[in-house]
Amino acid sequence: MNEILLDLIIVIVVLAVWLALVVALLRGWRNRGRRQADAIGEVPSVPADPGDTLLGPDSGMYLGATFAPSWQNRVAVGDYGDRAAATFRAHPTGIHIERNGATDVWIPRAAITAIRTERGHAGKVMGAAGVLVIRWILPSGTELDTGFRADDKAVYASWIAEFEVPSDTSPPASQPDPAQPDTEQRNGQ
């Protein structure tokens, strides 16, 4: 009888510790969201008429949003940091990410500063060029990275080309960049 009672006490203590850890994790996530709320501010909503679809719909997994440039500092405000199956479409005015069971995400074209591929995002690590990452600026001025792992990675090139942001710092095409070696030097000739 004493052995059964001791086993029961051990099981109860282990369950209580496990439950306390789960509660602490949930409280920590909620408090993190409160601390981030001012930095996030108002998130753009999907317009009633975003225009014609330029790219997509492409299906995959929305990996969440992180504070740029950290690929692991996940947004905890609302459900914007949560992973969800999703489809994404490009429109003349921005990108619409429709998430299953979560709030849709709208990224205005004017807010996009870069689109690139990465090895990982929001704690999800993939192979080379496994994640499409969109860097954009919220109306509050906070810069975010939003990650998407498409079912078909071949679509990444068209997304990058569609949203390529021209650089004002590149030299004009008629003048060579002095930091770059000429063609013969690059080819070892």
Protein backbone atom coordinates (compact mmCIF):
# COMPACT_ATOMS: atom_id res chain seq x y z
CA MET A 1 0.00 0.00 0.00
CA ASN A 2 2.80 2.43 0.84
CA GLU A 3 4.48 1.75 -2.52
CA ILE A 4 1.29 2.52 -4.46
CA LEU A 5 0.76 5.70 -2.44
CA LEU A 6 4.35 6.82 -3.11
CA ASP A 7 3.93 6.18 -6.86
CA LEU A 8 0.68 8.16 -6.87
CA ILE A 9 2.34 11.10 -5.10
CA ILE A 10 5.20 11.10 -7.64
CA VAL A 11 2.75 11.11 -10.56
CA ILE A 12 0.75 13.96 -9.03
CA VAL A 13 3.92 16.03 -8.39
CA VAL A 14 5.18 15.46 -11.97
CA LEU A 15 1.79 16.48 -13.42
CA ALA A 16 1.68 19.59 -11.21
CA VAL A 17 5.17 20.64 -12.32
CA TRP A 18 4.26 20.04 -15.98
CA LEU A 19 1.05 22.07 -15.63
CA ALA A 20 2.97 24.91 -13.90
CA LEU A 21 5.46 25.00 -16.80
CA VAL A 22 2.67 25.17 -19.39
CA VAL A 23 0.97 28.01 -17.49
CA ALA A 24 4.30 29.88 -17.23
CA LEU A 25 4.89 29.52 -20.99
CA LEU A 26 1.42 30.82 -21.84
CA ARG A 27 1.76 33.77 -19.47
CA GLY A 28 5.18 34.59 -20.90
CA TRP A 29 3.81 34.59 -24.47
CA ARG A 30 0.88 36.80 -23.45
CA ASN A 31 3.20 39.25 -21.64
CA ARG A 32 5.51 39.32 -24.65
CA GLY A 33 2.53 40.32 -26.79
CA ARG A 34 1.72 43.16 -24.40
CA ARG A 35 5.31 44.45 -24.56
CA GLN A 36 5.27 44.35 -28.37
CA ALA A 37 1.85 45.97 -28.83
CA ASP A 38 3.20 49.54 -29.05
CA ALA A 39 5.90 48.59 -31.56
CA ILE A 40 3.38 46.81 -33.80
CA GLY A 41 0.60 49.38 -33.59
CA GLU A 42 -2.14 49.18 -36.20
CA VAL A 43 -1.70 46.41 -38.77
CA PRO A 44 -2.96 47.13 -42.32
CA SER A 45 -6.23 45.41 -43.17
CA VAL A 46 -7.03 43.75 -46.48
CA PRO A 47 -8.65 46.29 -48.81
CA ALA A 48 -12.12 45.55 -50.21
CA ASP A 49 -10.73 45.58 -53.75
CA PRO A 50 -6.98 44.88 -53.90
CA GLY A 51 -7.06 44.74 -57.71
CA ASP A 52 -6.26 41.99 -60.17
CA THR A 53 -4.17 39.03 -59.11
CA LEU A 54 -0.66 39.40 -60.57
CA LEU A 55 0.87 36.26 -59.01
CA GLY A 56 -0.62 33.25 -57.30
CA PRO A 57 -2.55 31.94 -55.63
CA ASP A 58 0.37 29.90 -54.30
CA SER A 59 -0.19 27.54 -51.40
CA GLY A 60 2.09 26.70 -48.53
CA MET A 61 2.77 27.46 -44.87
CA TYR A 62 2.76 30.94 -43.36
CA LEU A 63 5.67 30.76 -40.91
CA GLY A 64 4.88 33.88 -38.95
CA ALA A 65 6.25 37.39 -38.60
CA THR A 66 9.46 38.38 -36.84
CA PHE A 67 11.07 41.69 -35.99
CA ALA A 68 13.70 42.46 -38.63
CA PRO A 69 16.52 41.59 -38.83
CA SER A 70 16.16 38.75 -36.30
CA TRP A 71 14.76 35.59 -37.88
CA GLN A 72 13.81 34.20 -34.44
CA ASN A 73 12.25 37.18 -32.61
CA ARG A 74 8.65 36.20 -33.35
CA VAL A 75 5.77 38.69 -33.17
CA ALA A 76 3.43 37.75 -30.31
CA VAL A 77 0.73 40.37 -30.94
CA GLY A 78 -2.57 38.86 -32.06
CA ASP A 79 -2.02 35.78 -34.20
CA TYR A 80 0.51 37.31 -36.61
CA GLY A 81 3.33 35.17 -35.22
CA ASP A 82 1.37 31.93 -35.52
CA ARG A 83 2.01 29.38 -38.23
CA ALA A 84 -0.88 28.44 -40.49
CA ALA A 85 -1.57 26.83 -43.85
CA ALA A 86 -2.06 29.67 -46.30
CA THR A 87 -2.28 30.90 -49.86
CA PHE A 88 -0.65 34.09 -51.02
CA ARG A 89 -1.42 36.37 -53.94
CA ALA A 90 0.25 39.43 -55.39
CA HIS A 91 -1.92 42.39 -56.34
CA PRO A 92 -0.97 45.79 -57.79
CA THR A 93 -1.36 47.30 -54.32
CA GLY A 94 0.25 44.58 -52.19
CA ILE A 95 0.38 40.97 -51.04
CA HIS A 96 -2.61 39.17 -49.57
CA ILE A 97 -1.88 36.14 -47.38
CA GLU A 98 -5.03 34.14 -46.65
CA ARG A 99 -4.42 31.97 -43.59
CA ASN A 100 -6.59 29.01 -42.65
CA GLY A 101 -8.03 29.50 -39.17
CA ALA A 102 -6.21 32.79 -38.60
CA THR A 103 -6.39 36.48 -39.52
CA ASP A 104 -5.52 37.34 -43.12
CA VAL A 105 -2.36 39.40 -43.60
CA TRP A 106 -2.13 42.36 -45.98
CA ILE A 107 1.29 43.74 -46.90
CA PRO A 108 1.01 47.01 -48.86
CA ARG A 109 3.35 47.21 -51.86
CA ALA A 110 4.64 50.60 -50.73
CA ALA A 111 5.70 49.10 -47.38
CA ILE A 112 7.80 46.30 -48.91
CA THR A 113 11.55 46.93 -48.67
CA ALA A 114 12.84 43.51 -49.82
CA ILE A 115 11.81 40.01 -50.83
CA ARG A 116 14.39 37.26 -50.64
CA THR A 117 14.87 33.59 -49.92
CA GLU A 118 16.37 32.37 -46.67
CA ARG A 119 17.34 29.10 -44.99
CA GLY A 120 15.03 29.69 -42.06
CA HIS A 121 12.46 31.94 -40.46
CA ALA A 122 10.68 32.13 -37.10
CA GLY A 123 12.43 29.08 -35.73
CA LYS A 124 11.75 26.98 -38.87
CA VAL A 125 14.96 25.90 -40.58
CA MET A 126 14.88 24.63 -44.15
CA GLY A 127 17.42 23.95 -46.87
CA ALA A 128 18.97 26.71 -48.92
CA ALA A 129 16.34 29.06 -50.36
CA GLY A 130 13.58 27.15 -48.59
CA VAL A 131 11.65 30.14 -47.28
CA LEU A 132 10.39 33.27 -49.05
CA VAL A 133 10.85 36.22 -46.67
CA ILE A 134 9.13 39.57 -47.19
CA ARG A 135 10.61 42.52 -45.31
CA TRP A 136 8.18 45.38 -44.84
CA ILE A 137 7.51 48.38 -42.64
CA LEU A 138 4.36 48.76 -40.53
CA PRO A 139 2.63 52.17 -40.29
CA SER A 140 4.21 52.43 -36.80
CA GLY A 141 7.66 52.33 -38.41
CA THR A 142 8.54 48.85 -37.14
CA GLU A 143 10.23 46.63 -39.70
CA LEU A 144 9.01 43.03 -39.94
CA ASP A 145 10.02 39.91 -41.81
CA THR A 146 7.12 37.70 -42.86
CA GLY A 147 8.00 34.16 -43.91
CA PHE A 148 6.24 31.78 -46.28
CA ARG A 149 7.25 28.24 -47.23
CA ALA A 150 5.57 27.51 -50.57
CA ASP A 151 4.56 24.01 -51.62
CA ASP A 152 6.35 24.71 -54.92
CA LYS A 153 9.67 26.51 -54.36
CA ALA A 154 9.91 27.30 -58.11
CA VAL A 155 7.50 30.24 -57.59
CA TYR A 156 10.02 32.15 -55.47
CA ALA A 157 11.86 33.60 -58.48
CA SER A 158 8.72 35.21 -59.90
CA TRP A 159 7.84 36.70 -56.49
CA ILE A 160 11.31 38.16 -56.07
CA ALA A 161 11.24 39.60 -59.60
CA GLU A 162 7.75 41.08 -59.15
CA PHE A 163 8.65 42.95 -55.96
CA GLU A 164 12.29 43.80 -56.65
CA VAL A 165 12.98 47.15 -55.05
CA PRO A 166 15.24 49.36 -57.18
CA SER A 167 18.32 50.48 -55.30
CA ASP A 168 19.14 54.19 -55.37
CA THR A 169 22.74 53.46 -54.32
CA SER A 170 23.74 51.46 -57.40
CA PRO A 171 25.86 53.28 -59.96
CA PRO A 172 24.29 54.24 -63.30
CA ALA A 173 24.49 51.54 -65.97
CA SER A 174 26.81 53.65 -68.13
CA GLN A 175 29.48 53.93 -65.42
CA PRO A 176 31.29 50.85 -64.09
CA ASP A 177 31.32 50.23 -60.36
CA PRO A 178 34.94 50.78 -59.20
CA ALA A 179 34.50 48.20 -56.41
CA GLN A 180 33.73 45.46 -58.94
CA PRO A 181 36.55 44.01 -61.04
CA ASP A 182 36.04 44.05 -64.79
CA THR A 183 34.92 40.92 -66.64
CA GLU A 184 38.45 39.73 -67.39
CA GLN A 185 39.46 40.02 -63.71
CA ARG A 186 36.36 38.11 -62.57
CA ASN A 187 37.07 35.30 -65.00
CA GLY A 188 40.72 35.13 -63.94
CA GLN A 189 42.03 36.27 -67.33
